[in-house]
Amino acid sequence: MKPSTESAGKITAEILLRLEAIGFRPEEPFQLTSGWASPVYVDCRKLISFPEERRRILDLAVATLTGAVGKDAFDAIAGGETAGIPYAAWLAERMDLPMLYVRKKPKGFGRMAQIEGHFEPGARVLLVEDLATDGKSKLHFCEALRAAGAEISHAFVVFHYGIFPEGVAALKAAGITLHALATWWDVLEAASREGTFPETTLREVRAFLEDPGVWRLLRFEMPDPDTIRRLLDEIEALQDELAPPEQEIFEELRLRYAKAATPVVGDDRSLEVILRNVAVRRQMGLKLKPDGNGS
């Protein structure tokens, strides 16, 4: 029997909890690539190491997509660099479709390719990634696919944060329907049911999910403008060492504070995390390749 959206969310949440792919840390929030400080974190990459759970997730993915748009809605499956690539490969195999992958930016040498693989102009392509927070990277990948001649109106993720309505609205405005197996609400319900985390932690997580902006305002001090400018200056001198998501956050904040902008809660933490990431890569001797990945 085809699983319902509700059962897909329940099963996916239970799998993620069982594999310890879920982190709840209100006392020391995670920093997301979108720039948000968050008491919750999900690592969908962990699923790739567990064949049985991986197969179950793919069963749910095929059933969800077939139920939503039909089994003949796509001509190819495209994975977003990097975490979307394995899911796209497995899903393409299940659906007997060609597989592509799309880079965050052209690779910078050779053919200057941003999309790898073959598809015919006008092919109906499904974008696949592991998760979506605010949806920005999905728009970026979809724009690249459209520029290359693909028709794209659907994206699929295993996990959708489900708490940033402006992200879904931006995708909808671009003609993209987002399909997901589970959200944080599914995880919170499963964690409450199974007693995975203390009740105090669950209350804090619920407060974040209900209003992320208010949660940040209540828990972080307003950053000092001089501190923001100092951090921006430090990062500007390190731009060659930034990964693409870090560069995106830096550019967004640099433009914001080029004007007489009122500091936003959490912006200082976002910049501090970028500096810490660069320091860690230096300490480990990691260098970024032209495509922004470590080597």
Protein backbone atom coordinates (compact mmCIF):
# COMPACT_ATOMS: atom_id res chain seq x y z
CA MET A 1 0.00 0.00 0.00
CA LYS A 2 1.29 3.45 -0.89
CA PRO A 3 2.37 5.27 2.29
CA SER A 4 0.61 8.50 3.13
CA THR A 5 2.47 11.76 3.64
CA GLU A 6 1.82 11.38 7.36
CA SER A 7 3.24 7.86 7.54
CA ALA A 8 6.23 8.84 5.38
CA GLY A 9 7.02 11.61 7.86
CA LYS A 10 6.63 9.29 10.84
CA ILE A 11 8.80 6.54 9.35
CA THR A 12 11.51 8.94 8.17
CA ALA A 13 11.65 10.70 11.55
CA GLU A 14 11.95 7.39 13.39
CA ILE A 15 14.78 6.28 11.09
CA LEU A 16 16.70 9.53 11.58
CA LEU A 17 16.31 9.30 15.36
CA ARG A 18 17.36 5.64 15.43
CA LEU A 19 20.52 6.41 13.43
CA GLU A 20 21.30 9.35 15.74
CA ALA A 21 21.17 11.70 12.76
CA ILE A 22 19.21 14.25 14.81
CA GLY A 23 20.81 16.77 17.13
CA PHE A 24 18.94 18.89 19.69
CA ARG A 25 21.28 21.41 21.36
CA PRO A 26 19.46 24.51 22.67
CA GLU A 27 22.26 25.41 25.09
CA GLU A 28 24.87 25.61 22.28
CA PRO A 29 23.06 26.19 18.97
CA PHE A 30 24.30 24.86 15.66
CA GLN A 31 25.18 27.30 12.89
CA LEU A 32 23.43 26.45 9.62
CA THR A 33 24.85 27.21 6.17
CA SER A 34 21.89 29.55 5.71
CA GLY A 35 23.33 31.70 8.51
CA TRP A 36 20.72 30.80 11.13
CA ALA A 37 21.63 29.79 14.67
CA SER A 38 19.53 26.72 15.38
CA PRO A 39 19.02 24.39 18.37
CA VAL A 40 18.26 21.56 15.93
CA TYR A 41 20.40 19.81 13.34
CA VAL A 42 19.83 16.88 10.99
CA ASP A 43 22.55 14.91 9.19
CA CYS A 44 20.89 13.20 6.23
CA ARG A 45 24.32 12.20 4.94
CA LYS A 46 24.44 9.59 7.68
CA LEU A 47 21.72 7.62 5.90
CA ILE A 48 24.05 6.71 3.04
CA SER A 49 25.97 4.30 5.30
CA PHE A 50 22.95 2.19 6.27
CA PRO A 51 21.63 0.07 3.35
CA GLU A 52 18.40 -1.15 4.96
CA GLU A 53 17.32 2.32 6.11
CA ARG A 54 18.47 3.80 2.82
CA ARG A 55 16.27 1.39 0.87
CA ARG A 56 13.29 2.28 3.07
CA ILE A 57 13.83 5.99 2.45
CA LEU A 58 13.99 5.37 -1.31
CA ASP A 59 10.77 3.33 -1.16
CA LEU A 60 9.10 6.30 0.50
CA ALA A 61 10.63 8.75 -1.97
CA VAL A 62 9.35 6.87 -5.02
CA ALA A 63 5.89 6.43 -3.47
CA THR A 64 5.70 10.10 -2.48
CA LEU A 65 6.73 11.39 -5.91
CA THR A 66 4.52 8.92 -7.77
CA GLY A 67 1.56 9.84 -5.61
CA ALA A 68 2.14 13.57 -6.07
CA VAL A 69 3.00 13.88 -9.76
CA GLY A 70 2.74 10.42 -11.35
CA LYS A 71 5.35 7.90 -12.42
CA ASP A 72 6.01 9.45 -15.85
CA ALA A 73 6.48 13.08 -14.78
CA PHE A 74 10.27 13.22 -15.24
CA ASP A 75 12.85 12.55 -17.94
CA ALA A 76 15.93 12.81 -15.69
CA ILE A 77 17.01 13.16 -12.06
CA ALA A 78 19.59 15.80 -11.05
CA GLY A 79 21.49 15.78 -7.76
CA GLY A 80 22.65 19.01 -6.18
CA GLU A 81 26.32 19.14 -5.17
CA THR A 82 27.29 17.48 -2.89
CA ALA A 83 24.81 15.74 -0.59
CA GLY A 84 22.12 15.43 -3.26
CA ILE A 85 24.29 13.36 -5.61
CA PRO A 86 23.99 9.92 -3.94
CA TYR A 87 20.24 10.31 -3.43
CA ALA A 88 19.81 11.34 -7.07
CA ALA A 89 21.82 8.32 -8.22
CA TRP A 90 19.76 5.86 -6.16
CA LEU A 91 16.47 7.49 -7.11
CA ALA A 92 17.38 7.52 -10.81
CA GLU A 93 18.19 3.81 -10.58
CA ARG A 94 14.88 3.08 -8.86
CA MET A 95 12.91 5.10 -11.42
CA ASP A 96 14.98 3.88 -14.40
CA LEU A 97 15.89 7.43 -15.44
CA PRO A 98 19.08 9.22 -16.54
CA MET A 99 21.02 10.88 -13.73
CA LEU A 100 22.79 14.26 -13.72
CA TYR A 101 24.42 16.40 -11.13
CA VAL A 102 24.66 20.15 -10.86
CA ARG A 103 27.53 22.04 -9.26
CA LYS A 104 27.20 25.06 -7.01
CA LYS A 105 29.16 26.95 -9.66
CA PRO A 106 31.03 26.09 -12.90
CA LYS A 107 34.15 24.09 -12.11
CA GLY A 108 36.48 26.82 -13.39
CA PHE A 109 38.54 24.81 -15.89
CA GLY A 110 38.17 22.52 -18.91
CA ARG A 111 34.61 22.78 -20.26
CA MET A 112 33.64 25.14 -17.41
CA ALA A 113 30.74 22.75 -16.83
CA GLN A 114 28.21 23.33 -14.08
CA ILE A 115 26.04 20.35 -15.00
CA GLU A 116 27.49 16.87 -15.55
CA GLY A 117 25.65 14.20 -17.52
CA HIS A 118 23.48 14.29 -20.64
CA PHE A 119 19.91 15.44 -21.21
CA GLU A 120 17.96 16.67 -24.19
CA PRO A 121 16.76 20.30 -24.36
CA GLY A 122 13.34 20.57 -22.76
CA ALA A 123 13.84 17.47 -20.60
CA ARG A 124 11.70 17.46 -17.46
CA VAL A 125 14.23 17.27 -14.64
CA LEU A 126 13.65 16.59 -10.94
CA LEU A 127 16.15 18.27 -8.61
CA VAL A 128 17.13 16.10 -5.63
CA GLU A 129 18.93 17.15 -2.45
CA ASP A 130 19.19 15.70 1.04
CA LEU A 131 17.50 18.59 2.86
CA ALA A 132 16.10 22.10 2.56
CA THR A 133 16.33 24.85 5.15
CA ASP A 134 15.22 28.13 3.55
CA GLY A 135 15.36 26.87 -0.05
CA LYS A 136 18.04 29.24 -1.40
CA SER A 137 20.32 26.53 -2.78
CA LYS A 138 17.36 24.89 -4.55
CA LEU A 139 16.67 28.10 -6.46
CA HIS A 140 20.34 28.36 -7.41
CA PHE A 141 20.44 24.81 -8.79
CA CYS A 142 17.11 25.19 -10.60
CA GLU A 143 18.28 28.39 -12.28
CA ALA A 144 21.42 26.60 -13.51
CA LEU A 145 19.38 23.69 -14.90
CA ARG A 146 16.94 26.02 -16.65
CA ALA A 147 19.80 28.05 -18.13
CA ALA A 148 21.13 24.79 -19.60
CA GLY A 149 17.78 24.05 -21.28
CA ALA A 150 16.00 21.83 -18.77
CA GLU A 151 12.39 22.20 -17.69
CA ILE A 152 12.20 22.02 -13.92
CA SER A 153 9.15 22.50 -11.75
CA HIS A 154 9.74 20.00 -8.92
CA ALA A 155 12.40 19.44 -6.26
CA PHE A 156 12.64 16.58 -3.77
CA VAL A 157 14.40 16.41 -0.40
CA VAL A 158 14.47 13.76 2.29
CA PHE A 159 14.07 16.42 4.97
CA HIS A 160 12.56 19.91 4.95
CA TYR A 161 12.93 22.22 7.94
CA GLY A 162 9.33 23.31 7.45
CA ILE A 163 9.69 26.49 9.54
CA PHE A 164 10.70 29.11 6.97
CA PRO A 165 7.55 29.82 4.91
CA GLU A 166 9.34 32.53 2.95
CA GLY A 167 11.58 29.84 1.45
CA VAL A 168 8.64 27.79 0.20
CA ALA A 169 7.05 30.99 -1.11
CA ALA A 170 10.23 31.87 -3.04
CA LEU A 171 10.31 28.41 -4.61
CA LYS A 172 6.63 28.63 -5.50
CA ALA A 173 7.17 32.06 -7.08
CA ALA A 174 9.90 30.48 -9.22
CA GLY A 175 7.52 27.72 -10.31
CA ILE A 176 9.07 25.02 -8.11
CA THR A 177 7.04 22.60 -5.99
CA LEU A 178 9.03 21.15 -3.09
CA HIS A 179 8.38 17.53 -2.05
CA ALA A 180 9.77 16.18 1.24
CA LEU A 181 9.45 13.06 3.36
CA ALA A 182 9.68 14.67 6.79
CA THR A 183 9.94 17.97 8.66
CA TRP A 184 11.03 19.00 12.15
CA TRP A 185 7.44 18.65 13.29
CA ASP A 186 7.58 14.94 12.43
CA VAL A 187 10.84 14.59 14.35
CA LEU A 188 9.53 16.50 17.38
CA GLU A 189 6.45 14.26 17.50
CA ALA A 190 8.54 11.08 17.21
CA ALA A 191 11.06 12.28 19.81
CA SER A 192 8.23 13.13 22.22
CA ARG A 193 6.60 9.74 21.65
CA GLU A 194 9.84 7.79 22.12
CA GLY A 195 11.30 9.87 24.97
CA THR A 196 14.53 10.39 23.05
CA PHE A 197 15.30 13.78 24.63
CA PRO A 198 14.46 15.44 27.99
CA GLU A 199 11.17 17.33 28.13
CA THR A 200 12.99 20.62 28.80
CA THR A 201 14.92 20.19 25.54
CA LEU A 202 11.75 19.38 23.61
CA ARG A 203 10.05 22.52 24.95
CA GLU A 204 12.99 24.65 23.81
CA VAL A 205 12.95 23.02 20.37
CA ARG A 206 9.21 23.58 20.05
CA ALA A 207 9.69 27.27 20.88
CA PHE A 208 12.25 27.54 18.08
CA LEU A 209 10.06 25.74 15.56
CA GLU A 210 7.05 27.92 16.36
CA ASP A 211 8.97 31.17 15.77
CA PRO A 212 12.72 30.98 14.95
CA GLY A 213 13.09 34.77 14.87
CA VAL A 214 11.62 35.31 18.33
CA TRP A 215 13.66 32.39 19.69
CA ARG A 216 16.88 34.07 18.54
CA LEU A 217 15.86 37.46 19.94
CA LEU A 218 15.15 35.99 23.36
CA ARG A 219 18.42 34.05 23.60
CA PHE A 220 21.11 36.19 22.00
CA GLU A 221 22.34 39.70 22.68
CA MET A 222 22.18 42.34 19.97
CA PRO A 223 25.64 42.43 18.32
CA ASP A 224 27.78 45.55 18.48
CA PRO A 225 28.14 47.30 15.06
CA ASP A 226 31.89 47.72 15.55
CA THR A 227 32.22 43.98 16.20
CA ILE A 228 30.33 43.21 13.00
CA ARG A 229 32.58 45.51 10.97
CA ARG A 230 35.72 44.00 12.51
CA LEU A 231 34.59 40.47 11.68
CA LEU A 232 33.69 41.47 8.12
CA ASP A 233 37.14 43.03 7.65
CA GLU A 234 38.83 39.87 8.93
CA ILE A 235 36.83 37.66 6.58
CA GLU A 236 37.37 39.95 3.59
CA ALA A 237 41.09 39.24 3.85
CA LEU A 238 40.35 35.48 3.70
CA GLN A 239 37.91 35.32 0.78
CA ASP A 240 40.06 32.86 -1.18
CA GLU A 241 39.66 30.41 1.70
CA LEU A 242 35.86 30.52 1.95
CA ALA A 243 33.58 27.67 0.92
CA PRO A 244 30.64 28.70 -1.33
CA PRO A 245 28.03 28.80 1.49
CA GLU A 246 30.41 30.88 3.61
CA GLN A 247 31.04 33.25 0.70
CA GLU A 248 27.29 33.63 0.21
CA ILE A 249 26.72 34.51 3.88
CA PHE A 250 29.68 36.92 3.87
CA GLU A 251 28.45 38.74 0.75
CA GLU A 252 24.93 39.04 2.13
CA LEU A 253 26.15 40.52 5.42
CA ARG A 254 28.77 42.72 3.74
CA LEU A 255 26.08 44.31 1.58
CA ARG A 256 23.74 44.68 4.55
CA TYR A 257 26.32 46.49 6.68
CA ALA A 258 27.67 48.61 3.83
CA LYS A 259 24.62 50.71 4.65
CA ALA A 260 23.76 52.10 8.07
CA ALA A 261 21.95 48.89 8.97
CA THR A 262 20.75 47.99 12.44
CA PRO A 263 22.63 44.87 13.62
CA VAL A 264 20.64 41.64 13.47
CA VAL A 265 20.77 39.12 16.30
CA GLY A 266 23.01 36.21 15.33
CA ASP A 267 24.96 37.96 12.55
CA ASP A 268 28.09 38.12 14.71
CA ARG A 269 27.82 34.39 15.41
CA SER A 270 27.49 33.64 11.69
CA LEU A 271 30.71 35.54 10.96
CA GLU A 272 32.53 33.96 13.91
CA VAL A 273 31.62 30.50 12.62
CA ILE A 274 33.08 31.34 9.20
CA LEU A 275 36.36 32.42 10.82
CA ARG A 276 36.38 29.28 12.96
CA ASN A 277 35.80 27.08 9.88
CA VAL A 278 38.75 28.70 8.09
CA ALA A 279 40.96 28.21 11.17
CA VAL A 280 39.99 24.52 11.40
CA ARG A 281 40.73 23.92 7.70
CA ARG A 282 44.13 25.58 8.11
CA GLN A 283 44.90 23.49 11.18
CA MET A 284 44.00 20.28 9.32
CA GLY A 285 45.92 21.31 6.20
CA LEU A 286 42.78 21.33 4.05
CA LYS A 287 42.61 23.51 0.97
CA LEU A 288 39.54 24.29 -1.11
CA LYS A 289 39.48 23.11 -4.71
CA PRO A 290 38.25 25.49 -7.45
CA ASP A 291 34.73 24.04 -7.00
CA GLY A 292 34.74 24.97 -3.31
CA ASN A 293 35.22 21.47 -1.87
CA GLY A 294 38.02 20.53 0.48
CA SER A 295 41.03 18.48 -0.55
